[in-house]
Amino acid sequence: MQHDFTLTSDYIALNDLLKLTGLCASGGEAKMLIADHYVSVNDQIETRKTYKVRAGDVVVLGDERIVVSGA
């Protein structure tokens, strides 16, 4: 399933994005999934929990895909 997310600033931390889009119930769950290599950004596994996701990035967790756009 695809989710569209519009930034209200220059970037959002990866763990916050997963929480705000509802793909994770909490920030702790998001951090665990990132650390366990379940999350990719632009087709690259991302293990930095506070990676700065910017407009144009595509984040994938399992079958869920988040397309990030600018304000």
N, C-alpha and C. Protein backbone atom coordinates (compact mmCIF):
# COMPACT_ATOMS: atom_id res chain seq x y z
N MET A 1 0.85 -1.19 0.00
CA MET A 1 0.00 0.00 0.00
C MET A 1 0.89 1.24 0.00
N GLN A 2 0.47 2.25 -0.71
CA GLN A 2 1.24 3.49 -0.78
C GLN A 2 0.62 4.57 0.10
N HIS A 3 1.50 5.27 0.82
CA HIS A 3 1.11 6.41 1.64
C HIS A 3 1.83 7.63 1.10
N ASP A 4 1.15 8.74 1.02
CA ASP A 4 1.77 10.00 0.62
C ASP A 4 1.95 10.85 1.86
N PHE A 5 3.14 11.41 2.03
CA PHE A 5 3.42 12.25 3.19
C PHE A 5 4.01 13.56 2.71
N THR A 6 3.44 14.68 3.15
CA THR A 6 3.93 16.00 2.78
C THR A 6 4.67 16.62 3.95
N LEU A 7 5.90 16.99 3.72
CA LEU A 7 6.71 17.62 4.77
C LEU A 7 6.22 19.02 5.07
N THR A 8 6.34 19.41 6.33
CA THR A 8 6.04 20.79 6.71
C THR A 8 7.33 21.55 7.03
N SER A 9 8.46 20.85 6.95
CA SER A 9 9.78 21.47 7.14
C SER A 9 10.74 20.82 6.15
N ASP A 10 12.03 21.04 6.29
CA ASP A 10 13.00 20.52 5.34
C ASP A 10 13.13 19.00 5.37
N TYR A 11 12.92 18.41 6.55
CA TYR A 11 13.08 16.96 6.69
C TYR A 11 12.31 16.47 7.91
N ILE A 12 12.23 15.12 8.01
CA ILE A 12 11.65 14.48 9.19
C ILE A 12 12.53 13.27 9.51
N ALA A 13 12.72 12.99 10.78
CA ALA A 13 13.49 11.81 11.19
C ALA A 13 12.74 10.55 10.76
N LEU A 14 13.48 9.57 10.30
CA LEU A 14 12.88 8.33 9.79
C LEU A 14 11.96 7.68 10.82
N ASN A 15 12.41 7.58 12.08
CA ASN A 15 11.55 6.94 13.09
C ASN A 15 10.27 7.74 13.32
N ASP A 16 10.34 9.05 13.25
CA ASP A 16 9.14 9.88 13.41
C ASP A 16 8.18 9.71 12.24
N LEU A 17 8.72 9.58 11.04
CA LEU A 17 7.89 9.37 9.85
C LEU A 17 7.09 8.07 9.97
N LEU A 18 7.75 7.01 10.39
CA LEU A 18 7.06 5.72 10.53
C LEU A 18 5.95 5.80 11.58
N LYS A 19 6.19 6.54 12.63
CA LYS A 19 5.18 6.71 13.68
C LYS A 19 4.02 7.58 13.18
N LEU A 20 4.33 8.70 12.54
CA LEU A 20 3.28 9.63 12.10
C LEU A 20 2.39 9.05 11.00
N THR A 21 2.94 8.18 10.17
CA THR A 21 2.14 7.58 9.11
C THR A 21 1.35 6.38 9.60
N GLY A 22 1.55 5.99 10.86
CA GLY A 22 0.80 4.88 11.43
C GLY A 22 1.36 3.51 11.12
N LEU A 23 2.54 3.45 10.52
CA LEU A 23 3.13 2.15 10.23
C LEU A 23 3.72 1.51 11.48
N CYS A 24 3.99 2.33 12.50
CA CYS A 24 4.47 1.84 13.78
C CYS A 24 3.63 2.48 14.88
N ALA A 25 3.35 1.71 15.92
CA ALA A 25 2.52 2.20 17.01
C ALA A 25 3.27 3.18 17.91
N SER A 26 4.60 3.07 17.93
CA SER A 26 5.39 3.94 18.80
C SER A 26 6.75 4.21 18.18
N GLY A 27 7.42 5.19 18.74
CA GLY A 27 8.78 5.50 18.29
C GLY A 27 9.73 4.36 18.59
N GLY A 28 9.51 3.68 19.71
CA GLY A 28 10.34 2.54 20.07
C GLY A 28 10.23 1.40 19.07
N GLU A 29 9.01 1.14 18.63
CA GLU A 29 8.79 0.09 17.62
C GLU A 29 9.48 0.48 16.32
N ALA A 30 9.38 1.74 15.93
CA ALA A 30 10.02 2.22 14.71
C ALA A 30 11.53 2.05 14.80
N LYS A 31 12.11 2.42 15.92
CA LYS A 31 13.56 2.30 16.10
C LYS A 31 14.02 0.85 16.01
N MET A 32 13.22 -0.06 16.57
CA MET A 32 13.57 -1.47 16.53
C MET A 32 13.54 -2.01 15.10
N LEU A 33 12.50 -1.65 14.34
CA LEU A 33 12.40 -2.12 12.95
C LEU A 33 13.54 -1.57 12.09
N ILE A 34 13.91 -0.32 12.34
CA ILE A 34 15.02 0.29 11.60
C ILE A 34 16.32 -0.44 11.94
N ALA A 35 16.58 -0.64 13.23
CA ALA A 35 17.81 -1.31 13.67
C ALA A 35 17.91 -2.74 13.16
N ASP A 36 16.76 -3.40 12.99
CA ASP A 36 16.73 -4.79 12.53
C ASP A 36 16.69 -4.91 11.00
N HIS A 37 16.96 -3.81 10.29
CA HIS A 37 17.11 -3.79 8.83
C HIS A 37 15.82 -4.06 8.06
N TYR A 38 14.69 -3.66 8.61
CA TYR A 38 13.41 -3.86 7.92
C TYR A 38 12.98 -2.65 7.09
N VAL A 39 13.71 -1.55 7.18
CA VAL A 39 13.30 -0.30 6.53
C VAL A 39 14.33 0.09 5.48
N SER A 40 13.83 0.49 4.31
CA SER A 40 14.75 1.01 3.28
C SER A 40 14.30 2.40 2.84
N VAL A 41 15.28 3.18 2.42
CA VAL A 41 15.03 4.51 1.89
C VAL A 41 15.69 4.55 0.52
N ASN A 42 14.91 4.84 -0.50
CA ASN A 42 15.42 4.90 -1.87
C ASN A 42 16.16 3.61 -2.24
N ASP A 43 15.55 2.47 -1.92
CA ASP A 43 16.07 1.14 -2.25
C ASP A 43 17.36 0.77 -1.53
N GLN A 44 17.69 1.45 -0.44
CA GLN A 44 18.87 1.13 0.37
C GLN A 44 18.42 0.88 1.80
N ILE A 45 18.86 -0.23 2.41
CA ILE A 45 18.54 -0.48 3.81
C ILE A 45 19.10 0.67 4.63
N GLU A 46 18.27 1.21 5.52
CA GLU A 46 18.69 2.34 6.35
C GLU A 46 18.63 1.92 7.82
N THR A 47 19.75 2.05 8.54
CA THR A 47 19.80 1.65 9.95
C THR A 47 19.94 2.84 10.89
N ARG A 48 20.03 4.04 10.34
CA ARG A 48 20.11 5.24 11.19
C ARG A 48 18.69 5.65 11.55
N LYS A 49 18.38 5.59 12.83
CA LYS A 49 17.01 5.84 13.30
C LYS A 49 16.55 7.27 13.02
N THR A 50 17.48 8.21 13.07
CA THR A 50 17.12 9.61 12.86
C THR A 50 17.58 10.10 11.49
N TYR A 51 17.70 9.18 10.53
CA TYR A 51 18.02 9.57 9.15
C TYR A 51 17.05 10.68 8.72
N LYS A 52 17.58 11.70 8.08
CA LYS A 52 16.76 12.84 7.66
C LYS A 52 16.07 12.53 6.33
N VAL A 53 14.80 12.22 6.39
CA VAL A 53 14.01 11.93 5.20
C VAL A 53 13.59 13.27 4.59
N ARG A 54 13.84 13.43 3.31
CA ARG A 54 13.56 14.69 2.62
C ARG A 54 12.60 14.47 1.46
N ALA A 55 12.10 15.56 0.91
CA ALA A 55 11.19 15.49 -0.24
C ALA A 55 11.86 14.69 -1.36
N GLY A 56 11.08 13.81 -1.97
CA GLY A 56 11.59 12.98 -3.05
C GLY A 56 12.01 11.59 -2.60
N ASP A 57 12.17 11.39 -1.29
CA ASP A 57 12.56 10.08 -0.77
C ASP A 57 11.37 9.13 -0.77
N VAL A 58 11.68 7.85 -0.91
CA VAL A 58 10.67 6.79 -0.83
C VAL A 58 11.12 5.81 0.25
N VAL A 59 10.27 5.63 1.24
CA VAL A 59 10.56 4.77 2.38
C VAL A 59 9.70 3.52 2.26
N VAL A 60 10.31 2.35 2.49
CA VAL A 60 9.58 1.09 2.38
C VAL A 60 9.75 0.28 3.65
N LEU A 61 8.64 -0.22 4.16
CA LEU A 61 8.61 -1.14 5.30
C LEU A 61 7.65 -2.26 4.93
N GLY A 62 8.19 -3.42 4.64
CA GLY A 62 7.35 -4.55 4.20
C GLY A 62 6.63 -4.21 2.91
N ASP A 63 5.30 -4.32 2.92
CA ASP A 63 4.49 -4.01 1.74
C ASP A 63 4.04 -2.55 1.72
N GLU A 64 4.46 -1.80 2.72
CA GLU A 64 4.05 -0.39 2.83
C GLU A 64 5.14 0.51 2.24
N ARG A 65 4.68 1.52 1.50
CA ARG A 65 5.59 2.44 0.81
C ARG A 65 5.13 3.86 1.12
N ILE A 66 6.07 4.71 1.55
CA ILE A 66 5.77 6.10 1.85
C ILE A 66 6.51 6.98 0.84
N VAL A 67 5.76 7.77 0.10
CA VAL A 67 6.33 8.72 -0.86
C VAL A 67 6.28 10.10 -0.21
N VAL A 68 7.46 10.69 -0.05
CA VAL A 68 7.58 11.97 0.67
C VAL A 68 7.69 13.10 -0.32
N SER A 69 6.87 14.13 -0.11
CA SER A 69 6.91 15.32 -0.97
C SER A 69 7.11 16.56 -0.11
N GLY A 70 7.49 17.66 -0.76
CA GLY A 70 7.70 18.92 -0.06
C GLY A 70 6.41 19.70 0.06
N ALA A 71 6.46 20.69 0.93
CA ALA A 71 5.27 21.53 1.17
C ALA A 71 4.97 22.42 -0.01
